Amino acid sequence: MDYIYELPIKVRDYEVDAEGIVNNANYLHYLEHTRHEFCEQAGLSFREMHAQGYDPVVSRIEVKYLNPLGLGDSMASKLWLSRRGPVFVFHQDIFKPDGQPVIRAVVEIASFENGRLSRGERLAEAFGKYLKDS
């Protein structure tokens, strides 16, 4: 897979349950954190986008859990980006350091401009050089 962004993350103690494995909801946090960091490195913070009148909003997430992470584990959270009409699709995968897949996720993003659903042209401009065919 030709990922366009990778973020190293380490599991923190408050992210695990009594069995010592990462609670499934925390993976959504890892995915969101990765998207936010990607946007910032691409030159767009969510604060700046909102100030300019457009907001990317999660409309759907599909996650396949493959292998658990535990306390102190490290991971590589990776993504690539495509577009389907007005929907921006973040293809996000998390891997253990040995390359073992942890989760595979598809996150669909809708675009709002000045509070109204849009075709996402402003986001397409901002993310144009990162978009790949799906």
N, C-alpha and C. Protein backbone atom coordinates (compact mmCIF):
# COMPACT_ATOMS: atom_id res chain seq x y z
N MET A 1 0.84 -1.19 0.00
CA MET A 1 0.00 0.00 0.00
C MET A 1 0.89 1.24 0.00
N ASP A 2 0.51 2.23 -0.78
CA ASP A 2 1.26 3.48 -0.84
C ASP A 2 0.66 4.48 0.13
N TYR A 3 1.08 4.39 1.37
CA TYR A 3 0.58 5.32 2.38
C TYR A 3 1.21 6.69 2.18
N ILE A 4 0.45 7.72 2.50
CA ILE A 4 0.97 9.08 2.33
C ILE A 4 1.34 9.72 3.66
N TYR A 5 0.99 9.03 4.76
CA TYR A 5 1.32 9.57 6.07
C TYR A 5 1.43 8.43 7.07
N GLU A 6 2.38 8.59 8.01
CA GLU A 6 2.57 7.60 9.07
C GLU A 6 2.86 8.32 10.37
N LEU A 7 2.21 7.86 11.44
CA LEU A 7 2.39 8.45 12.76
C LEU A 7 2.71 7.35 13.77
N PRO A 8 3.87 7.46 14.45
CA PRO A 8 4.14 6.49 15.51
C PRO A 8 3.36 6.86 16.77
N ILE A 9 2.79 5.86 17.43
CA ILE A 9 2.00 6.08 18.65
C ILE A 9 2.36 4.97 19.63
N LYS A 10 2.35 5.30 20.93
CA LYS A 10 2.60 4.31 21.97
C LYS A 10 1.37 4.21 22.86
N VAL A 11 0.99 3.00 23.22
CA VAL A 11 -0.17 2.77 24.08
C VAL A 11 0.14 3.28 25.49
N ARG A 12 -0.78 4.07 26.02
CA ARG A 12 -0.64 4.61 27.37
C ARG A 12 -1.47 3.78 28.36
N ASP A 13 -1.12 3.86 29.62
CA ASP A 13 -1.74 2.99 30.62
C ASP A 13 -3.25 3.17 30.74
N TYR A 14 -3.76 4.36 30.55
CA TYR A 14 -5.20 4.58 30.70
C TYR A 14 -6.01 4.13 29.48
N GLU A 15 -5.33 3.59 28.46
CA GLU A 15 -6.03 3.13 27.25
C GLU A 15 -6.31 1.63 27.26
N VAL A 16 -5.86 0.95 28.31
CA VAL A 16 -6.08 -0.49 28.38
C VAL A 16 -7.15 -0.84 29.41
N ASP A 17 -7.74 -2.00 29.22
CA ASP A 17 -8.77 -2.46 30.15
C ASP A 17 -8.13 -3.35 31.23
N ALA A 18 -8.96 -3.98 32.04
CA ALA A 18 -8.47 -4.81 33.14
C ALA A 18 -7.64 -6.00 32.66
N GLU A 19 -7.85 -6.41 31.41
CA GLU A 19 -7.08 -7.53 30.85
C GLU A 19 -5.75 -7.08 30.26
N GLY A 20 -5.51 -5.75 30.27
CA GLY A 20 -4.24 -5.23 29.76
C GLY A 20 -4.21 -5.02 28.27
N ILE A 21 -5.37 -5.07 27.60
CA ILE A 21 -5.40 -4.81 26.16
C ILE A 21 -6.12 -3.49 25.89
N VAL A 22 -5.81 -2.90 24.77
CA VAL A 22 -6.40 -1.61 24.40
C VAL A 22 -7.90 -1.78 24.20
N ASN A 23 -8.66 -0.92 24.85
CA ASN A 23 -10.11 -0.89 24.68
C ASN A 23 -10.42 -0.51 23.24
N ASN A 24 -11.41 -1.17 22.63
CA ASN A 24 -11.70 -0.96 21.21
C ASN A 24 -11.99 0.50 20.86
N ALA A 25 -12.59 1.26 21.75
CA ALA A 25 -12.90 2.67 21.46
C ALA A 25 -11.64 3.51 21.28
N ASN A 26 -10.55 3.12 21.92
CA ASN A 26 -9.32 3.91 21.80
C ASN A 26 -8.74 3.88 20.40
N TYR A 27 -9.04 2.83 19.64
CA TYR A 27 -8.55 2.79 18.26
C TYR A 27 -9.15 3.94 17.45
N LEU A 28 -10.39 4.31 17.76
CA LEU A 28 -11.00 5.47 17.07
C LEU A 28 -10.22 6.74 17.39
N HIS A 29 -9.74 6.85 18.62
CA HIS A 29 -8.91 8.01 19.00
C HIS A 29 -7.60 8.00 18.21
N TYR A 30 -6.98 6.83 18.08
CA TYR A 30 -5.73 6.74 17.32
C TYR A 30 -5.95 7.17 15.87
N LEU A 31 -7.07 6.71 15.28
CA LEU A 31 -7.37 7.07 13.90
C LEU A 31 -7.59 8.58 13.76
N GLU A 32 -8.36 9.15 14.69
CA GLU A 32 -8.63 10.58 14.64
C GLU A 32 -7.36 11.39 14.83
N HIS A 33 -6.55 11.00 15.79
CA HIS A 33 -5.29 11.71 16.04
C HIS A 33 -4.41 11.69 14.79
N THR A 34 -4.38 10.55 14.12
CA THR A 34 -3.58 10.43 12.89
C THR A 34 -4.11 11.37 11.81
N ARG A 35 -5.44 11.43 11.63
CA ARG A 35 -6.01 12.34 10.63
C ARG A 35 -5.68 13.79 10.95
N HIS A 36 -5.80 14.16 12.21
CA HIS A 36 -5.52 15.54 12.61
C HIS A 36 -4.05 15.89 12.37
N GLU A 37 -3.15 14.98 12.73
CA GLU A 37 -1.73 15.23 12.51
C GLU A 37 -1.41 15.31 11.01
N PHE A 38 -2.05 14.45 10.22
CA PHE A 38 -1.87 14.51 8.77
C PHE A 38 -2.30 15.88 8.23
N CYS A 39 -3.47 16.33 8.66
CA CYS A 39 -3.97 17.63 8.18
C CYS A 39 -3.01 18.75 8.54
N GLU A 40 -2.48 18.72 9.76
CA GLU A 40 -1.53 19.76 10.16
C GLU A 40 -0.27 19.72 9.33
N GLN A 41 0.28 18.55 9.07
CA GLN A 41 1.50 18.48 8.25
C GLN A 41 1.21 18.89 6.80
N ALA A 42 -0.06 18.73 6.39
CA ALA A 42 -0.46 19.15 5.04
C ALA A 42 -0.73 20.65 4.99
N GLY A 43 -0.61 21.32 6.15
CA GLY A 43 -0.79 22.76 6.20
C GLY A 43 -2.18 23.22 6.58
N LEU A 44 -3.01 22.30 7.08
CA LEU A 44 -4.38 22.66 7.44
C LEU A 44 -4.74 22.12 8.81
N SER A 45 -4.90 23.00 9.77
CA SER A 45 -5.40 22.54 11.06
C SER A 45 -6.92 22.64 11.02
N PHE A 46 -7.56 21.86 11.88
CA PHE A 46 -9.02 21.91 11.93
C PHE A 46 -9.49 23.30 12.37
N ARG A 47 -8.74 23.94 13.23
CA ARG A 47 -9.09 25.29 13.66
C ARG A 47 -9.06 26.27 12.48
N GLU A 48 -8.02 26.17 11.65
CA GLU A 48 -7.91 27.05 10.48
C GLU A 48 -9.03 26.78 9.47
N MET A 49 -9.31 25.50 9.23
CA MET A 49 -10.38 25.18 8.29
C MET A 49 -11.71 25.75 8.78
N HIS A 50 -11.99 25.56 10.08
CA HIS A 50 -13.24 26.08 10.64
C HIS A 50 -13.29 27.61 10.54
N ALA A 51 -12.18 28.27 10.80
CA ALA A 51 -12.13 29.73 10.71
C ALA A 51 -12.39 30.20 9.28
N GLN A 52 -12.03 29.37 8.29
CA GLN A 52 -12.25 29.72 6.89
C GLN A 52 -13.63 29.27 6.40
N GLY A 53 -14.43 28.68 7.29
CA GLY A 53 -15.81 28.35 6.95
C GLY A 53 -16.05 26.95 6.43
N TYR A 54 -15.06 26.07 6.51
CA TYR A 54 -15.33 24.70 6.08
C TYR A 54 -14.85 23.71 7.13
N ASP A 55 -15.64 22.64 7.24
CA ASP A 55 -15.38 21.65 8.27
C ASP A 55 -15.53 20.24 7.71
N PRO A 56 -14.47 19.43 7.80
CA PRO A 56 -14.60 18.02 7.47
C PRO A 56 -15.22 17.29 8.67
N VAL A 57 -16.23 16.47 8.42
CA VAL A 57 -16.97 15.80 9.48
C VAL A 57 -17.06 14.30 9.16
N VAL A 58 -16.74 13.47 10.14
CA VAL A 58 -16.85 12.02 9.95
C VAL A 58 -18.32 11.66 9.74
N SER A 59 -18.58 10.94 8.64
CA SER A 59 -19.95 10.50 8.38
C SER A 59 -20.11 8.98 8.54
N ARG A 60 -18.98 8.27 8.46
CA ARG A 60 -19.05 6.80 8.59
C ARG A 60 -17.66 6.26 8.87
N ILE A 61 -17.60 5.25 9.75
CA ILE A 61 -16.34 4.56 10.02
C ILE A 61 -16.59 3.06 10.01
N GLU A 62 -15.72 2.36 9.30
CA GLU A 62 -15.76 0.89 9.30
C GLU A 62 -14.40 0.41 9.80
N VAL A 63 -14.41 -0.40 10.85
CA VAL A 63 -13.16 -0.86 11.45
C VAL A 63 -13.16 -2.38 11.51
N LYS A 64 -12.05 -2.97 11.09
CA LYS A 64 -11.85 -4.41 11.25
C LYS A 64 -10.69 -4.58 12.24
N TYR A 65 -11.01 -5.18 13.39
CA TYR A 65 -10.01 -5.43 14.43
C TYR A 65 -9.32 -6.75 14.12
N LEU A 66 -7.99 -6.74 14.04
CA LEU A 66 -7.25 -7.93 13.63
C LEU A 66 -6.40 -8.52 14.75
N ASN A 67 -5.61 -7.68 15.42
CA ASN A 67 -4.73 -8.15 16.49
C ASN A 67 -4.69 -7.08 17.58
N PRO A 68 -4.74 -7.48 18.84
CA PRO A 68 -4.78 -6.49 19.92
C PRO A 68 -3.43 -5.86 20.22
N LEU A 69 -3.51 -4.69 20.80
CA LEU A 69 -2.34 -4.01 21.35
C LEU A 69 -2.48 -4.03 22.87
N GLY A 70 -1.35 -3.97 23.56
CA GLY A 70 -1.37 -3.97 25.02
C GLY A 70 -0.55 -2.80 25.56
N LEU A 71 -0.53 -2.72 26.87
CA LEU A 71 0.15 -1.65 27.57
C LEU A 71 1.61 -1.52 27.13
N GLY A 72 1.99 -0.31 26.74
CA GLY A 72 3.36 -0.03 26.34
C GLY A 72 3.71 -0.40 24.92
N ASP A 73 2.79 -1.06 24.20
CA ASP A 73 3.07 -1.41 22.80
C ASP A 73 3.21 -0.16 21.95
N SER A 74 4.01 -0.28 20.93
CA SER A 74 4.15 0.78 19.93
C SER A 74 3.39 0.37 18.69
N MET A 75 3.03 1.38 17.90
CA MET A 75 2.30 1.11 16.66
C MET A 75 2.67 2.16 15.62
N ALA A 76 2.39 1.85 14.38
CA ALA A 76 2.51 2.81 13.28
C ALA A 76 1.11 2.96 12.70
N SER A 77 0.58 4.17 12.78
CA SER A 77 -0.74 4.47 12.24
C SER A 77 -0.53 5.13 10.88
N LYS A 78 -1.06 4.49 9.82
CA LYS A 78 -0.79 4.93 8.45
C LYS A 78 -2.09 5.23 7.73
N LEU A 79 -1.99 6.11 6.73
CA LEU A 79 -3.19 6.41 5.95
C LEU A 79 -2.86 6.78 4.52
N TRP A 80 -3.88 6.63 3.68
CA TRP A 80 -3.90 7.19 2.34
C TRP A 80 -5.30 7.71 2.11
N LEU A 81 -5.46 8.58 1.12
CA LEU A 81 -6.68 9.35 0.95
C LEU A 81 -7.20 9.25 -0.47
N SER A 82 -8.52 9.03 -0.60
CA SER A 82 -9.17 9.03 -1.91
C SER A 82 -10.45 9.85 -1.80
N ARG A 83 -11.11 9.99 -2.93
CA ARG A 83 -12.36 10.77 -2.97
C ARG A 83 -13.37 10.02 -3.82
N ARG A 84 -14.62 10.00 -3.33
CA ARG A 84 -15.73 9.40 -4.06
C ARG A 84 -16.81 10.47 -4.12
N GLY A 85 -16.85 11.23 -5.20
CA GLY A 85 -17.79 12.34 -5.30
C GLY A 85 -17.51 13.34 -4.22
N PRO A 86 -18.50 13.69 -3.41
CA PRO A 86 -18.27 14.68 -2.35
C PRO A 86 -17.65 14.08 -1.08
N VAL A 87 -17.47 12.75 -1.05
CA VAL A 87 -16.97 12.08 0.14
C VAL A 87 -15.46 11.84 0.03
N PHE A 88 -14.75 12.24 1.08
CA PHE A 88 -13.32 11.99 1.18
C PHE A 88 -13.15 10.74 2.03
N VAL A 89 -12.31 9.82 1.55
CA VAL A 89 -12.18 8.53 2.20
C VAL A 89 -10.74 8.36 2.71
N PHE A 90 -10.62 8.27 4.02
CA PHE A 90 -9.33 8.00 4.64
C PHE A 90 -9.24 6.49 4.85
N HIS A 91 -8.26 5.87 4.22
CA HIS A 91 -7.98 4.45 4.37
C HIS A 91 -6.88 4.38 5.42
N GLN A 92 -7.22 3.88 6.59
CA GLN A 92 -6.29 3.92 7.70
C GLN A 92 -6.02 2.53 8.26
N ASP A 93 -4.75 2.25 8.45
CA ASP A 93 -4.32 0.97 8.99
C ASP A 93 -3.34 1.21 10.12
N ILE A 94 -3.38 0.35 11.11
CA ILE A 94 -2.43 0.41 12.22
C ILE A 94 -1.68 -0.91 12.25
N PHE A 95 -0.36 -0.81 12.45
CA PHE A 95 0.52 -1.98 12.45
C PHE A 95 1.39 -2.00 13.70
N LYS A 96 1.73 -3.21 14.14
CA LYS A 96 2.74 -3.39 15.18
C LYS A 96 4.10 -3.16 14.54
N PRO A 97 5.15 -2.92 15.35
CA PRO A 97 6.49 -2.69 14.78
C PRO A 97 6.99 -3.81 13.87
N ASP A 98 6.53 -5.05 14.10
CA ASP A 98 6.97 -6.17 13.25
C ASP A 98 6.17 -6.27 11.95
N GLY A 99 5.25 -5.30 11.73
CA GLY A 99 4.45 -5.30 10.51
C GLY A 99 3.12 -6.00 10.63
N GLN A 100 2.86 -6.63 11.77
CA GLN A 100 1.60 -7.34 11.97
C GLN A 100 0.45 -6.32 12.00
N PRO A 101 -0.60 -6.53 11.19
CA PRO A 101 -1.71 -5.58 11.18
C PRO A 101 -2.52 -5.66 12.47
N VAL A 102 -2.92 -4.49 12.96
CA VAL A 102 -3.72 -4.38 14.18
C VAL A 102 -5.17 -4.10 13.82
N ILE A 103 -5.38 -3.06 13.02
CA ILE A 103 -6.73 -2.76 12.51
C ILE A 103 -6.62 -2.24 11.08
N ARG A 104 -7.72 -2.37 10.37
CA ARG A 104 -7.90 -1.75 9.06
C ARG A 104 -9.19 -0.96 9.16
N ALA A 105 -9.14 0.28 8.70
CA ALA A 105 -10.32 1.14 8.84
C ALA A 105 -10.52 1.97 7.58
N VAL A 106 -11.79 2.26 7.31
CA VAL A 106 -12.18 3.16 6.24
C VAL A 106 -13.03 4.23 6.89
N VAL A 107 -12.59 5.48 6.76
CA VAL A 107 -13.28 6.60 7.40
C VAL A 107 -13.77 7.55 6.31
N GLU A 108 -15.08 7.74 6.25
CA GLU A 108 -15.67 8.63 5.26
C GLU A 108 -15.91 10.00 5.88
N ILE A 109 -15.52 11.02 5.13
CA ILE A 109 -15.61 12.39 5.60
C ILE A 109 -16.50 13.21 4.67
N ALA A 110 -17.49 13.87 5.25
CA ALA A 110 -18.33 14.81 4.51
C ALA A 110 -17.77 16.21 4.74
N SER A 111 -18.05 17.09 3.83
CA SER A 111 -17.55 18.46 3.94
C SER A 111 -18.71 19.44 4.12
N PHE A 112 -18.58 20.27 5.11
CA PHE A 112 -19.56 21.33 5.34
C PHE A 112 -18.87 22.67 5.10
N GLU A 113 -19.57 23.55 4.39
CA GLU A 113 -19.07 24.91 4.16
C GLU A 113 -20.11 25.87 4.69
N ASN A 114 -19.68 26.71 5.62
CA ASN A 114 -20.57 27.66 6.28
C ASN A 114 -21.82 26.98 6.83
N GLY A 115 -21.61 25.81 7.44
CA GLY A 115 -22.69 25.09 8.09
C GLY A 115 -23.57 24.25 7.19
N ARG A 116 -23.28 24.22 5.90
CA ARG A 116 -24.12 23.46 4.96
C ARG A 116 -23.28 22.38 4.28
N LEU A 117 -23.92 21.26 4.05
CA LEU A 117 -23.27 20.17 3.34
C LEU A 117 -22.84 20.66 1.97
N SER A 118 -21.60 20.32 1.58
CA SER A 118 -21.10 20.79 0.28
C SER A 118 -20.54 19.64 -0.54
N ARG A 119 -20.11 19.96 -1.75
CA ARG A 119 -19.48 18.97 -2.63
C ARG A 119 -18.00 18.78 -2.27
N GLY A 120 -17.50 19.59 -1.37
CA GLY A 120 -16.13 19.41 -0.90
C GLY A 120 -15.05 19.99 -1.78
N GLU A 121 -15.40 20.96 -2.59
CA GLU A 121 -14.40 21.53 -3.50
C GLU A 121 -13.24 22.19 -2.76
N ARG A 122 -13.52 22.84 -1.65
CA ARG A 122 -12.44 23.48 -0.90
C ARG A 122 -11.51 22.43 -0.29
N LEU A 123 -12.07 21.35 0.21
CA LEU A 123 -11.23 20.27 0.72
C LEU A 123 -10.44 19.62 -0.41
N ALA A 124 -11.06 19.48 -1.56
CA ALA A 124 -10.37 18.88 -2.71
C ALA A 124 -9.17 19.74 -3.10
N GLU A 125 -9.32 21.05 -3.04
CA GLU A 125 -8.18 21.94 -3.31
C GLU A 125 -7.08 21.72 -2.29
N ALA A 126 -7.47 21.67 -1.04
CA ALA A 126 -6.49 21.52 0.04
C ALA A 126 -5.78 20.17 0.00
N PHE A 127 -6.51 19.11 -0.33
CA PHE A 127 -5.95 17.76 -0.31
C PHE A 127 -5.58 17.24 -1.69
N GLY A 128 -5.73 18.05 -2.72
CA GLY A 128 -5.52 17.61 -4.09
C GLY A 128 -4.28 16.79 -4.34
N LYS A 129 -3.14 17.23 -3.84
CA LYS A 129 -1.89 16.51 -4.12
C LYS A 129 -1.77 15.20 -3.35
N TYR A 130 -2.67 14.96 -2.40
CA TYR A 130 -2.62 13.73 -1.61
C TYR A 130 -3.63 12.68 -2.07
N LEU A 131 -4.61 13.09 -2.87
CA LEU A 131 -5.66 12.18 -3.29
C LEU A 131 -5.16 11.11 -4.24
N LYS A 132 -5.62 9.87 -4.00
CA LYS A 132 -5.27 8.75 -4.87
C LYS A 132 -6.56 8.12 -5.36
N ASP A 133 -6.47 7.40 -6.45
CA ASP A 133 -7.63 6.64 -6.93
C ASP A 133 -7.87 5.49 -5.97
N SER A 134 -9.15 5.23 -5.66
CA SER A 134 -9.42 4.12 -4.72
C SER A 134 -9.59 2.80 -5.38
